[in-house]
Amino acid sequence: MEPKTVLGVDPGLGVTGYGVLVPGPKGLRVLDAGTLRTDPKSPLSHRLAELYDGLSEVLSEFVPSLMGIEEVYSHYKHPATAIVMAHARGVLCLAARHAETSVLAVPATRIKKVITGSGRASKEQVRDMVRDILGISQPVSPLDVSDALAAAIAAFETVKRDRQR
């Protein structure tokens, strides 16, 4: 059975993008999309609580059955980035668990491949294809939102493919 509502998340400590999609007769449709932002001057624990609370509100309002979230990736030259991203992902996954929403971690290359056909596509190519796939007339901005919508599409397509096997 396909998910009824899918939440996509592009995790970040400063800015987390999210997008909520529902399948319909004409394909996936956007219910909501936006960003959760934290104050860079606040202590880490406060910022993580802000992310948790913000995503909990989205989960409560839309009650998705599936959350697609990008897997942690960081270049080996920037290990601190991976650590910060892991903190953010952890509280976002915890919020989903508390809302009884299944979580599917999807590698960035898989998301790009599902959306554009290439695992090496640029963020701008992903943004443009997300617009086409979802039939959005206005530009999707910021890139955190288009990345979150892409994660939702990829999670939906992955679950759909796996259930057809």
Protein backbone atom coordinates (compact mmCIF):
# COMPACT_ATOMS: atom_id res chain seq x y z
CA MET A 1 0.00 0.00 0.00
CA GLU A 2 1.33 3.43 -0.94
CA PRO A 3 1.77 6.06 1.76
CA LYS A 4 -1.17 8.45 1.99
CA THR A 5 0.93 11.46 2.96
CA VAL A 6 4.70 11.80 2.63
CA LEU A 7 6.95 14.27 4.40
CA GLY A 8 10.35 15.05 2.93
CA VAL A 9 13.06 16.63 5.05
CA ASP A 10 16.36 18.25 4.11
CA PRO A 11 18.04 18.36 7.52
CA GLY A 12 20.25 21.17 8.73
CA LEU A 13 20.94 22.78 12.06
CA GLY A 14 20.47 26.32 10.77
CA VAL A 15 17.84 25.63 8.12
CA THR A 16 15.80 22.48 7.66
CA GLY A 17 13.61 22.26 4.59
CA TYR A 18 10.39 20.28 4.61
CA GLY A 19 7.73 19.36 2.06
CA VAL A 20 4.46 17.48 2.47
CA LEU A 21 3.05 15.56 -0.50
CA VAL A 22 -0.05 13.47 -1.17
CA PRO A 23 -0.57 11.10 -4.08
CA GLY A 24 -3.55 11.77 -6.30
CA PRO A 25 -4.96 10.76 -9.67
CA LYS A 26 -2.66 13.21 -11.45
CA GLY A 27 0.45 12.36 -9.43
CA LEU A 28 1.94 13.84 -6.28
CA ARG A 29 0.55 17.12 -5.00
CA VAL A 30 2.11 19.58 -2.54
CA LEU A 31 0.16 20.20 0.66
CA ASP A 32 2.78 22.36 2.34
CA ALA A 33 6.45 23.23 2.14
CA GLY A 34 8.77 25.54 4.00
CA THR A 35 11.72 25.83 6.32
CA LEU A 36 12.44 25.48 10.01
CA ARG A 37 15.11 27.95 11.08
CA THR A 38 17.10 28.13 14.29
CA ASP A 39 18.95 31.02 15.85
CA PRO A 40 22.69 30.53 15.28
CA LYS A 41 23.39 32.43 18.52
CA SER A 42 21.40 29.96 20.63
CA PRO A 43 23.01 27.00 22.40
CA LEU A 44 22.95 23.69 20.52
CA SER A 45 20.36 22.19 22.85
CA HIS A 46 17.96 25.09 22.20
CA ARG A 47 18.44 24.83 18.43
CA LEU A 48 17.76 21.10 18.48
CA ALA A 49 14.62 21.67 20.56
CA GLU A 50 13.46 24.28 18.02
CA LEU A 51 13.88 21.74 15.20
CA TYR A 52 12.07 19.05 17.16
CA ASP A 53 9.19 21.36 18.05
CA GLY A 54 8.92 22.75 14.52
CA LEU A 55 8.84 19.36 12.86
CA SER A 56 6.46 18.05 15.51
CA GLU A 57 3.99 20.77 14.50
CA VAL A 58 4.23 19.75 10.83
CA LEU A 59 3.82 16.08 11.76
CA SER A 60 0.82 16.87 13.94
CA GLU A 61 -0.89 18.97 11.28
CA PHE A 62 -0.40 16.64 8.28
CA VAL A 63 0.02 13.19 9.93
CA PRO A 64 2.28 11.69 7.25
CA SER A 65 2.72 7.93 7.21
CA LEU A 66 6.24 8.23 5.77
CA MET A 67 9.12 10.67 6.19
CA GLY A 68 11.94 10.66 3.66
CA ILE A 69 15.14 12.20 4.96
CA GLU A 70 18.49 12.60 3.29
CA GLU A 71 21.22 10.36 4.70
CA VAL A 72 24.15 12.08 6.36
CA TYR A 73 26.89 12.91 3.93
CA SER A 74 29.88 15.08 4.54
CA HIS A 75 33.17 15.39 2.80
CA TYR A 76 35.99 13.81 4.82
CA LYS A 77 37.66 17.23 5.03
CA HIS A 78 34.66 18.55 7.01
CA PRO A 79 33.84 16.02 9.74
CA ALA A 80 32.26 18.70 11.96
CA THR A 81 29.56 19.18 9.30
CA ALA A 82 28.59 15.51 9.58
CA ILE A 83 28.43 15.75 13.37
CA VAL A 84 26.17 18.82 13.32
CA MET A 85 24.00 17.24 10.61
CA ALA A 86 23.71 14.06 12.66
CA HIS A 87 22.49 16.05 15.68
CA ALA A 88 19.78 17.66 13.52
CA ARG A 89 18.80 14.38 11.84
CA GLY A 90 18.58 12.68 15.22
CA VAL A 91 15.98 15.04 16.65
CA LEU A 92 14.05 15.10 13.37
CA CYS A 93 13.92 11.28 13.33
CA LEU A 94 12.89 11.31 17.00
CA ALA A 95 10.03 13.69 16.23
CA ALA A 96 8.88 11.33 13.45
CA ARG A 97 9.10 8.33 15.78
CA HIS A 98 7.03 10.10 18.43
CA ALA A 99 4.44 10.87 15.74
CA GLU A 100 4.46 7.20 14.68
CA THR A 101 5.71 8.16 11.21
CA SER A 102 7.95 5.68 9.39
CA VAL A 103 11.35 7.07 8.43
CA LEU A 104 13.22 6.21 5.25
CA ALA A 105 16.77 7.51 4.95
CA VAL A 106 17.67 8.02 1.30
CA PRO A 107 21.19 8.71 0.01
CA ALA A 108 21.54 12.04 -1.79
CA THR A 109 22.71 10.27 -4.95
CA ARG A 110 19.55 8.13 -4.96
CA ILE A 111 17.36 11.20 -4.51
CA LYS A 112 19.09 12.94 -7.42
CA LYS A 113 18.80 9.84 -9.60
CA VAL A 114 15.07 9.46 -8.93
CA ILE A 115 14.44 13.14 -9.64
CA THR A 116 16.79 13.85 -12.57
CA GLY A 117 18.02 10.47 -13.79
CA SER A 118 21.56 11.31 -12.65
CA GLY A 119 23.05 10.80 -9.19
CA ARG A 120 25.38 13.72 -9.83
CA ALA A 121 22.82 16.40 -10.64
CA SER A 122 23.24 19.89 -9.23
CA LYS A 123 20.88 21.33 -6.64
CA GLU A 124 19.53 23.66 -9.34
CA GLN A 125 18.77 20.72 -11.66
CA VAL A 126 16.96 18.97 -8.81
CA ARG A 127 14.99 22.15 -8.06
CA ASP A 128 13.91 22.51 -11.70
CA MET A 129 12.86 18.86 -12.01
CA VAL A 130 10.94 19.01 -8.72
CA ARG A 131 8.97 21.91 -10.19
CA ASP A 132 8.20 19.86 -13.31
CA ILE A 133 7.31 16.67 -11.45
CA LEU A 134 4.97 18.46 -9.03
CA GLY A 135 3.57 20.93 -11.58
CA ILE A 136 4.60 23.96 -9.53
CA SER A 137 4.34 27.21 -11.46
CA GLN A 138 6.48 29.44 -9.23
CA PRO A 139 10.18 28.93 -8.50
CA VAL A 140 10.83 26.69 -5.50
CA SER A 141 12.96 28.57 -3.02
CA PRO A 142 15.14 28.19 -1.04
CA LEU A 143 17.00 25.08 -2.21
CA ASP A 144 16.34 23.50 1.21
CA VAL A 145 12.65 23.29 0.24
CA SER A 146 13.25 21.79 -3.20
CA ASP A 147 15.67 19.28 -1.64
CA ALA A 148 13.00 18.33 0.92
CA LEU A 149 10.37 17.90 -1.79
CA ALA A 150 12.87 15.78 -3.73
CA ALA A 151 13.42 13.60 -0.64
CA ALA A 152 9.66 13.12 -0.32
CA ILE A 153 9.33 12.13 -3.99
CA ALA A 154 12.27 9.73 -3.74
CA ALA A 155 10.92 8.14 -0.54
CA PHE A 156 7.47 7.73 -2.11
CA GLU A 157 8.91 6.18 -5.28
CA THR A 158 11.21 3.88 -3.29
CA VAL A 159 8.36 2.53 -1.16
CA LYS A 160 6.12 2.19 -4.22
CA ARG A 161 8.85 0.26 -6.10
CA ASP A 162 9.61 -1.98 -3.13
CA ARG A 163 5.95 -2.86 -2.64
CA GLN A 164 5.55 -3.81 -6.31
CA ARG A 165 8.25 -6.47 -5.99
